[in-house]
N, C-alpha and C. Protein backbone atom coordinates (compact mmCIF):
# COMPACT_ATOMS: atom_id res chain seq x y z
N MET A 1 100.32 104.65 73.08
CA MET A 1 101.34 104.30 73.58
C MET A 1 101.28 102.79 73.09
N ASN A 2 100.59 102.21 72.49
CA ASN A 2 100.96 100.91 71.51
C ASN A 2 101.57 99.89 72.18
N LYS A 3 101.56 99.40 73.15
CA LYS A 3 102.53 98.68 73.78
C LYS A 3 103.61 99.01 73.42
N ASP A 4 104.42 100.13 73.88
CA ASP A 4 105.91 100.74 73.69
C ASP A 4 106.22 100.56 75.39
N TYR A 5 105.66 99.59 75.71
CA TYR A 5 106.41 99.29 77.24
C TYR A 5 106.42 97.92 77.61
N LYS A 6 107.28 97.64 78.67
CA LYS A 6 107.37 96.07 78.79
C LYS A 6 107.18 95.89 80.69
N ILE A 7 106.70 94.19 80.61
CA ILE A 7 105.93 93.98 81.98
C ILE A 7 107.53 92.69 82.15
N ARG A 8 108.27 92.78 83.66
CA ARG A 8 108.83 92.32 84.11
C ARG A 8 108.70 91.95 85.39
N LYS A 9 109.17 91.03 85.65
CA LYS A 9 109.32 90.90 86.95
C LYS A 9 110.62 92.12 88.14
N ILE A 10 109.83 92.10 88.88
CA ILE A 10 110.26 93.55 89.93
C ILE A 10 111.88 92.81 89.86
N LYS A 11 112.78 94.37 90.32
CA LYS A 11 114.35 94.10 91.05
C LYS A 11 114.27 94.58 92.33
N SER A 12 115.02 94.02 92.91
CA SER A 12 115.02 94.32 94.43
C SER A 12 115.23 95.99 94.62
N ASN A 13 116.13 96.39 93.71
CA ASN A 13 116.36 98.00 93.97
C ASN A 13 115.14 98.68 93.93
N GLU A 14 114.01 97.99 93.24
CA GLU A 14 112.99 98.77 92.76
C GLU A 14 111.19 98.74 94.32
N VAL A 15 111.96 97.43 95.31
CA VAL A 15 110.79 97.38 96.09
C VAL A 15 110.39 98.31 96.69
N SER A 16 111.05 99.54 96.98
CA SER A 16 110.85 100.72 97.42
C SER A 16 109.62 101.58 96.57
N PHE A 17 109.22 100.92 95.67
CA PHE A 17 108.83 101.84 94.62
C PHE A 17 107.09 101.43 95.36
N LEU A 18 106.87 99.91 95.85
CA LEU A 18 105.71 99.67 96.14
C LEU A 18 104.67 100.72 97.00
N LYS A 19 105.64 101.32 98.10
CA LYS A 19 105.08 102.49 98.39
C LYS A 19 104.26 103.41 97.55
N ASP A 20 104.94 104.20 96.66
CA ASP A 20 103.83 104.42 95.82
C ASP A 20 102.73 104.21 95.15
N PHE A 21 102.93 103.30 94.57
CA PHE A 21 102.06 102.19 94.08
C PHE A 21 100.72 102.06 95.06
N THR A 22 101.12 101.42 96.28
CA THR A 22 100.39 101.81 97.22
C THR A 22 99.06 102.45 97.28
N TYR A 23 99.74 103.82 97.41
CA TYR A 23 99.21 104.89 97.36
C TYR A 23 98.23 105.39 96.16
N TYR A 24 98.58 104.54 94.72
CA TYR A 24 98.15 104.54 93.67
C TYR A 24 97.06 103.93 93.30
N ALA A 25 96.65 102.49 94.23
CA ALA A 25 96.25 101.44 94.43
C ALA A 25 94.43 102.04 95.35
N ILE A 26 94.98 102.74 95.97
CA ILE A 26 93.85 103.36 96.91
C ILE A 26 92.86 104.42 96.14
N TYR A 27 91.32 103.21 96.24
CA TYR A 27 90.62 104.31 94.99
C TYR A 27 89.42 104.77 96.06
N VAL A 28 89.63 106.08 95.99
CA VAL A 28 88.22 106.76 96.72
C VAL A 28 87.25 107.19 95.82
N GLY A 29 87.70 107.45 94.18
CA GLY A 29 86.23 107.80 93.61
C GLY A 29 85.77 108.93 93.85
N ASN A 30 85.58 109.33 92.42
CA ASN A 30 84.69 111.22 92.52
C ASN A 30 86.19 112.03 92.42
N ASN A 31 87.49 111.19 91.64
CA ASN A 31 88.53 112.26 91.67
C ASN A 31 88.90 112.65 92.95
N ILE A 32 88.38 112.33 94.01
CA ILE A 32 88.99 113.06 95.36
C ILE A 32 90.35 112.80 95.65
N THR A 33 91.22 114.08 95.83
CA THR A 33 92.73 113.43 96.34
C THR A 33 92.66 113.18 97.48
N ILE A 34 93.72 112.17 98.22
CA ILE A 34 94.10 111.81 99.81
C ILE A 34 95.19 112.14 99.91
N SER A 35 95.92 112.44 101.17
CA SER A 35 96.56 112.96 101.90
C SER A 35 97.89 111.18 101.75
N LYS A 36 98.65 111.36 101.34
CA LYS A 36 99.80 110.52 101.29
C LYS A 36 100.11 110.16 102.73
N ASP A 37 99.53 111.20 103.62
CA ASP A 37 99.68 110.48 105.30
C ASP A 37 99.25 109.22 105.37
N ILE A 38 98.32 108.91 104.66
CA ILE A 38 97.63 107.13 104.34
C ILE A 38 98.51 106.31 104.75
N LEU A 39 99.31 106.85 104.08
CA LEU A 39 100.42 105.26 103.75
C LEU A 39 100.91 104.95 105.24
N LYS A 40 100.80 105.85 105.93
CA LYS A 40 101.39 105.90 107.56
C LYS A 40 100.49 105.35 108.28
N ASP A 41 99.16 104.49 107.94
CA ASP A 41 97.93 103.92 108.32
C ASP A 41 98.44 102.54 108.30
N PRO A 42 98.51 101.99 109.84
CA PRO A 42 99.23 100.46 109.81
C PRO A 42 98.53 99.66 108.50
N ASN A 43 97.14 99.50 108.61
CA ASN A 43 96.44 99.05 107.75
C ASN A 43 96.84 98.94 106.09
N ILE A 44 97.13 100.31 105.87
CA ILE A 44 97.88 100.60 104.52
C ILE A 44 99.51 99.99 104.70
N LYS A 45 100.09 100.63 105.03
CA LYS A 45 101.67 100.23 105.35
C LYS A 45 101.81 98.89 105.28
N ILE A 46 101.19 98.12 105.15
CA ILE A 46 101.46 96.31 105.56
C ILE A 46 101.43 96.06 104.06
N TYR A 47 100.32 96.99 103.05
CA TYR A 47 100.99 96.56 101.47
C TYR A 47 102.46 96.47 101.15
N TYR A 48 103.11 97.51 101.75
CA TYR A 48 104.38 97.63 101.33
C TYR A 48 105.42 97.41 102.20
N GLU A 49 105.48 97.92 103.14
CA GLU A 49 106.08 97.02 104.72
C GLU A 49 106.44 95.31 104.32
N ASN A 50 105.27 95.13 104.40
CA ASN A 50 105.22 93.16 104.14
C ASN A 50 105.63 92.20 103.37
N PHE A 51 105.61 93.48 102.10
CA PHE A 51 106.16 92.25 101.01
C PHE A 51 107.83 92.07 100.66
N LYS A 52 107.72 90.69 100.67
CA LYS A 52 108.80 89.88 100.42
C LYS A 52 109.51 89.62 99.40
N LEU A 53 110.64 89.81 98.90
CA LEU A 53 110.85 89.32 97.42
C LEU A 53 111.13 88.37 97.54
N ASN A 54 111.72 87.53 98.04
CA ASN A 54 112.25 86.02 98.34
C ASN A 54 111.15 85.10 98.27
N LYS A 55 109.61 85.66 98.92
CA LYS A 55 108.36 85.08 98.74
C LYS A 55 107.07 85.71 98.20
N ASP A 56 106.70 86.53 97.50
CA ASP A 56 105.88 87.35 97.05
C ASP A 56 106.27 87.31 95.54
N ILE A 57 105.37 88.02 94.63
CA ILE A 57 105.32 88.07 93.36
C ILE A 57 104.85 89.25 93.26
N CYS A 58 105.73 90.12 92.05
CA CYS A 58 105.66 91.56 92.11
C CYS A 58 106.46 91.57 89.96
N TYR A 59 105.31 92.01 89.62
CA TYR A 59 105.75 92.53 88.01
C TYR A 59 105.38 94.10 87.92
N VAL A 60 106.31 94.51 87.46
CA VAL A 60 106.46 96.01 86.57
C VAL A 60 105.95 95.99 85.54
N CYS A 61 105.13 97.25 85.31
CA CYS A 61 105.27 98.08 83.88
C CYS A 61 105.91 98.99 83.21
N GLU A 62 106.89 99.10 82.27
CA GLU A 62 107.93 99.65 82.55
C GLU A 62 107.74 100.67 80.89
N HIS A 63 108.12 102.09 80.85
CA HIS A 63 107.88 102.80 80.14
C HIS A 63 108.43 103.77 79.88
N LYS A 64 109.80 103.54 78.98
CA LYS A 64 110.65 104.57 78.74
C LYS A 64 111.66 104.78 80.16
N GLY A 65 111.82 103.72 80.57
CA GLY A 65 112.89 103.21 81.94
C GLY A 65 111.61 104.17 83.15
N LYS A 66 110.47 104.30 83.22
CA LYS A 66 110.21 105.12 83.95
C LYS A 66 109.04 103.53 84.59
N ILE A 67 108.62 103.42 85.78
CA ILE A 67 108.13 102.43 86.44
C ILE A 67 106.34 102.96 86.36
N ILE A 68 105.31 102.45 85.36
CA ILE A 68 104.28 103.24 85.51
C ILE A 68 103.23 102.43 86.66
N ALA A 69 103.25 101.26 86.00
CA ALA A 69 102.40 100.28 87.09
C ALA A 69 103.22 98.91 87.66
N MET A 70 102.73 98.79 88.90
CA MET A 70 102.93 97.62 89.22
C MET A 70 101.59 96.69 89.90
N ILE A 71 102.05 95.42 90.05
CA ILE A 71 101.14 94.15 90.03
C ILE A 71 101.86 93.38 91.08
N TRP A 72 101.26 93.13 92.28
CA TRP A 72 102.05 92.45 93.46
C TRP A 72 100.71 91.58 94.46
N SER A 73 101.54 90.28 95.12
CA SER A 73 100.59 90.13 95.67
C SER A 73 101.46 89.82 97.25
N ILE A 74 100.72 89.90 98.10
CA ILE A 74 101.80 89.19 99.46
C ILE A 74 100.68 88.16 100.08
N LEU A 75 101.65 86.75 100.73
CA LEU A 75 100.99 85.98 101.54
C LEU A 75 100.97 86.49 103.13
N PHE A 76 100.19 87.19 103.08
CA PHE A 76 99.63 87.42 104.68
C PHE A 76 99.26 86.22 105.48
N ASP A 77 99.33 86.55 106.87
CA ASP A 77 99.24 85.42 108.13
C ASP A 77 97.84 86.16 108.68
N ASP A 78 97.02 84.78 109.77
CA ASP A 78 95.93 85.47 110.74
C ASP A 78 96.11 86.34 111.52
N ASN A 79 97.24 86.79 111.27
CA ASN A 79 97.66 88.12 112.71
C ASN A 79 98.21 89.12 112.01
N ILE A 80 98.51 89.51 110.49
CA ILE A 80 98.18 90.57 110.03
C ILE A 80 97.95 90.33 108.60
N HIS A 81 97.10 90.76 108.08
CA HIS A 81 96.63 90.45 106.94
C HIS A 81 95.68 92.10 106.61
N GLY A 82 96.02 91.63 104.87
CA GLY A 82 94.91 93.32 104.60
C GLY A 82 93.66 93.08 104.26
N TYR A 83 93.14 94.35 103.33
CA TYR A 83 91.25 94.23 102.95
C TYR A 83 90.57 92.99 102.23
N GLY A 84 91.44 92.22 101.83
CA GLY A 84 91.04 91.25 100.77
C GLY A 84 91.49 89.88 101.27
N TYR A 85 92.21 90.10 102.68
CA TYR A 85 92.47 88.67 103.61
C TYR A 85 91.66 87.49 103.19
N VAL A 86 91.69 86.24 102.64
CA VAL A 86 90.75 84.78 102.65
C VAL A 86 91.58 83.80 103.30
N SER A 87 92.62 83.79 103.20
CA SER A 87 93.27 82.72 104.32
C SER A 87 94.71 82.70 103.69
N LYS A 88 95.48 82.26 104.99
CA LYS A 88 96.82 82.29 104.88
C LYS A 88 97.79 81.72 103.95
N GLU A 89 96.80 80.80 103.06
CA GLU A 89 97.54 79.92 102.33
C GLU A 89 97.17 80.42 100.65
N ILE A 90 96.36 81.79 100.79
CA ILE A 90 96.01 83.03 99.62
C ILE A 90 96.41 84.06 99.75
N PRO A 91 97.51 84.46 98.34
CA PRO A 91 98.45 85.59 98.37
C PRO A 91 97.03 86.38 98.64
N GLU A 92 97.53 88.07 98.45
CA GLU A 92 96.08 88.83 98.27
C GLU A 92 96.86 89.87 97.40
N LEU A 93 96.10 90.27 96.32
CA LEU A 93 96.65 91.04 95.04
C LEU A 93 96.51 92.27 95.10
N CYS A 94 97.48 92.85 94.59
CA CYS A 94 97.24 94.53 94.91
C CYS A 94 97.98 94.73 93.45
N MET A 95 96.91 95.90 92.58
CA MET A 95 97.60 96.35 91.50
C MET A 95 97.32 97.75 91.34
N SER A 96 97.91 98.36 90.64
CA SER A 96 97.90 99.69 90.44
C SER A 96 98.70 100.37 89.49
N VAL A 97 97.77 101.13 88.71
CA VAL A 97 98.70 102.17 87.06
C VAL A 97 98.71 103.51 87.35
N GLU A 98 99.67 103.99 87.19
CA GLU A 98 99.84 105.72 87.06
C GLU A 98 98.72 106.25 87.04
N LYS A 99 97.97 107.35 87.15
CA LYS A 99 96.97 108.01 86.77
C LYS A 99 96.96 108.02 85.22
N SER A 100 97.98 108.87 84.67
CA SER A 100 97.88 109.53 83.25
C SER A 100 98.49 108.08 82.48
N TYR A 101 98.47 107.10 82.81
CA TYR A 101 98.25 105.79 81.75
C TYR A 101 97.10 104.62 82.27
N ARG A 102 96.15 105.15 83.09
CA ARG A 102 94.85 104.25 82.97
C ARG A 102 94.40 104.48 81.96
N ASN A 103 93.25 103.37 81.55
CA ASN A 103 93.14 103.25 80.39
C ASN A 103 93.17 103.18 79.31
N LYS A 104 94.34 101.98 79.29
CA LYS A 104 95.41 102.36 78.05
C LYS A 104 95.31 100.40 77.89
N GLY A 105 95.41 99.56 78.49
CA GLY A 105 94.82 97.98 78.73
C GLY A 105 96.74 97.95 79.29
N ILE A 106 97.20 98.49 79.88
CA ILE A 106 98.52 98.08 81.02
C ILE A 106 97.92 97.15 81.89
N GLY A 107 96.82 97.63 83.08
CA GLY A 107 96.62 96.99 83.72
C GLY A 107 95.65 95.63 83.60
N GLU A 108 95.24 95.27 82.40
CA GLU A 108 94.60 94.01 81.72
C GLU A 108 96.07 93.62 82.01
N ASN A 109 96.72 93.94 80.88
CA ASN A 109 97.96 93.31 80.61
C ASN A 109 98.65 92.63 82.10
N LEU A 110 99.19 93.53 82.88
CA LEU A 110 99.87 93.26 83.97
C LEU A 110 98.76 91.78 84.52
N LEU A 111 97.43 91.96 84.82
CA LEU A 111 96.85 91.03 85.45
C LEU A 111 96.82 89.57 84.56
N LYS A 112 96.91 89.73 83.38
CA LYS A 112 97.17 88.65 82.53
C LYS A 112 98.53 87.56 83.21
N ILE A 113 99.48 88.54 82.90
CA ILE A 113 100.91 87.84 82.63
C ILE A 113 101.13 87.68 84.41
N PHE A 114 100.33 88.19 85.30
CA PHE A 114 100.47 88.17 86.63
C PHE A 114 99.89 86.57 86.64
N LEU A 115 98.59 86.70 86.59
CA LEU A 115 97.59 85.19 86.75
C LEU A 115 98.77 84.22 86.00
N LEU A 116 98.97 84.38 85.28
CA LEU A 116 99.94 83.34 84.41
C LEU A 116 101.00 82.44 85.27
N ASN A 117 101.91 83.10 85.82
CA ASN A 117 102.81 82.89 86.54
C ASN A 117 102.80 82.71 88.12
N LEU A 118 101.32 83.04 88.41
CA LEU A 118 101.21 82.93 89.76
C LEU A 118 101.06 81.52 90.09
N ARG A 119 100.02 80.93 88.69
CA ARG A 119 99.37 79.67 89.01
C ARG A 119 100.32 78.41 89.36
N PRO A 120 101.59 78.33 88.56
CA PRO A 120 102.22 77.27 89.69
C PRO A 120 102.32 77.26 91.00
N MET A 121 102.55 78.42 91.45
CA MET A 121 102.63 78.98 93.03
C MET A 121 101.54 78.20 93.58
N TYR A 122 100.13 78.98 93.71
CA TYR A 122 98.78 79.34 94.44
C TYR A 122 98.57 78.77 93.38
N ASN A 123 96.87 78.20 93.84
CA ASN A 123 95.60 78.11 93.03
C ASN A 123 94.97 79.69 92.89
N ASN A 124 94.96 80.24 93.73
CA ASN A 124 94.15 81.47 93.90
C ASN A 124 94.65 82.48 94.22
N VAL A 125 94.25 84.11 94.33
CA VAL A 125 94.50 85.12 94.84
C VAL A 125 93.30 86.13 95.42
N SER A 126 93.63 86.50 96.26
CA SER A 126 92.36 87.12 96.74
C SER A 126 92.53 88.87 96.49
N LEU A 127 91.82 89.20 96.70
CA LEU A 127 91.53 90.95 96.45
C LEU A 127 90.38 91.92 96.90
N SER A 128 90.50 93.14 97.19
CA SER A 128 89.51 93.96 97.73
C SER A 128 89.37 94.86 96.96
N VAL A 129 88.33 94.92 96.22
CA VAL A 129 87.40 96.09 94.96
C VAL A 129 86.81 96.88 95.29
N SER A 130 86.10 98.18 95.55
CA SER A 130 85.72 99.15 96.38
C SER A 130 84.59 98.92 95.16
N LYS A 131 83.60 98.70 95.36
CA LYS A 131 82.12 98.10 94.86
C LYS A 131 81.82 99.36 93.31
N ASP A 132 82.13 100.87 93.43
CA ASP A 132 81.80 101.58 92.35
C ASP A 132 83.60 101.63 91.86
N ASN A 133 84.40 101.02 91.68
CA ASN A 133 85.92 101.08 91.13
C ASN A 133 85.38 100.38 90.19
N TYR A 134 85.77 100.80 88.83
CA TYR A 134 86.06 99.95 87.28
C TYR A 134 86.68 99.06 87.23
N ALA A 135 87.42 98.67 88.03
CA ALA A 135 88.67 97.09 88.21
C ALA A 135 87.84 96.63 88.11
N LYS A 136 86.67 96.43 89.06
CA LYS A 136 85.99 95.42 90.01
C LYS A 136 85.43 94.53 88.43
N ASP A 137 85.54 95.33 86.79
CA ASP A 137 85.02 94.64 85.62
C ASP A 137 86.07 93.85 85.09
N LEU A 138 87.37 94.44 85.37
CA LEU A 138 88.27 93.70 84.59
C LEU A 138 88.62 92.34 85.70
N TYR A 139 88.51 92.63 87.08
CA TYR A 139 88.51 91.42 87.84
C TYR A 139 87.63 90.11 87.49
N LEU A 140 86.10 90.59 87.05
CA LEU A 140 85.13 89.67 86.96
C LEU A 140 85.83 89.16 85.52
N LYS A 141 86.11 89.85 84.97
CA LYS A 141 86.32 89.63 82.97
C LYS A 141 87.83 88.36 83.25
N TYR A 142 88.35 88.65 84.38
CA TYR A 142 89.63 87.10 84.82
C TYR A 142 89.16 86.38 85.37
N GLY A 143 88.33 86.08 85.66
CA GLY A 143 87.47 84.97 86.37
C GLY A 143 87.32 85.04 88.33
N PHE A 144 87.41 85.95 88.40
CA PHE A 144 87.62 86.27 89.71
C PHE A 144 85.94 86.03 89.92
N GLU A 145 85.62 85.90 91.41
CA GLU A 145 84.29 85.87 91.97
C GLU A 145 84.35 86.27 93.36
N ILE A 146 83.18 87.28 93.38
CA ILE A 146 82.54 87.78 94.60
C ILE A 146 82.92 86.37 95.90
N TYR A 147 83.42 86.84 96.85
CA TYR A 147 83.51 85.71 97.74
C TYR A 147 83.14 86.01 99.00
N LYS A 148 82.63 87.62 98.91
CA LYS A 148 82.43 88.38 100.25
C LYS A 148 81.91 89.76 100.27
N GLU A 149 80.64 89.91 100.34
CA GLU A 149 80.46 91.38 99.82
C GLU A 149 80.52 91.84 101.31
N ASN A 150 80.92 93.18 101.32
CA ASN A 150 81.26 94.25 102.55
C ASN A 150 79.87 95.15 102.26
N LYS A 151 79.92 96.11 103.27
CA LYS A 151 79.48 97.75 102.58
C LYS A 151 79.72 97.73 101.57
N ASP A 152 81.35 98.47 101.71
CA ASP A 152 81.52 99.04 100.52
C ASP A 152 82.80 98.48 99.54
N ASP A 153 82.75 97.25 100.00
CA ASP A 153 83.86 96.33 99.02
C ASP A 153 83.21 95.53 98.95
N TYR A 154 83.94 94.20 97.57
CA TYR A 154 84.17 93.21 97.55
C TYR A 154 85.25 92.33 97.81
N ILE A 155 85.27 91.06 98.86
CA ILE A 155 86.63 90.64 98.58
C ILE A 155 86.10 89.51 97.60
N MET A 156 86.95 89.62 96.42
CA MET A 156 86.94 88.65 95.16
C MET A 156 87.93 87.72 95.09
N LEU A 157 88.16 86.48 94.88
CA LEU A 157 88.71 85.46 94.87
C LEU A 157 88.95 84.86 93.22
N SER A 158 90.12 84.53 92.76
CA SER A 158 90.21 84.30 91.34
C SER A 158 89.93 82.20 91.56
N GLY A 159 89.62 82.12 90.12
CA GLY A 159 88.96 80.92 89.98
C GLY A 159 90.16 80.00 89.92
N LYS A 160 90.02 79.03 89.76
CA LYS A 160 91.28 77.63 89.49
C LYS A 160 91.24 77.79 88.19
C-alpha cells in the first residue's frame, strides 16, 4: 500500500462509521468470528453511541475514498465508562483497522498522529487491550504503561 492513504480528522457525516469500527476493534483471538449482535451490548455500544464530535477526538484513515481504519477517544464519566476507564479526566482510546489492511503500519501511523493531536488537550489517554493482542506491543512502543492488570486484559495509560 506504501502510504497511498491519508489520515485526517473525522467528518460529521462519518460518525456513524464508529459502530462498524467498534466491531472491528473487538479482539477475540484465534480468528474467531463473533456476531455483530455484540454491538447491542450496553458495554460495547457506549463506544459509538457516546462519541460526541464537539468534545471527543477521532481520526480516520482513508484509502481510495474508503475509510479503512479509525482511532478515537471518548471522555467517559463515573456513571458510564468503558473497559479501559481510569478517570473522568482521562479519555479512553479505541483503535481499529479493517482486517485486510492490518500489518501495514496503518495502526502505528494513526496512533502517532492521534497522540500528537491529543497532547494539547489531555496529558494521558487510557485503553484496554487483551493480554494476547499483538497491539499491546505497539502501545508499549509508544509509551503506554500497564496501569492495571485484569484476568484477560491490561488497562494501559499513556505516558506524559
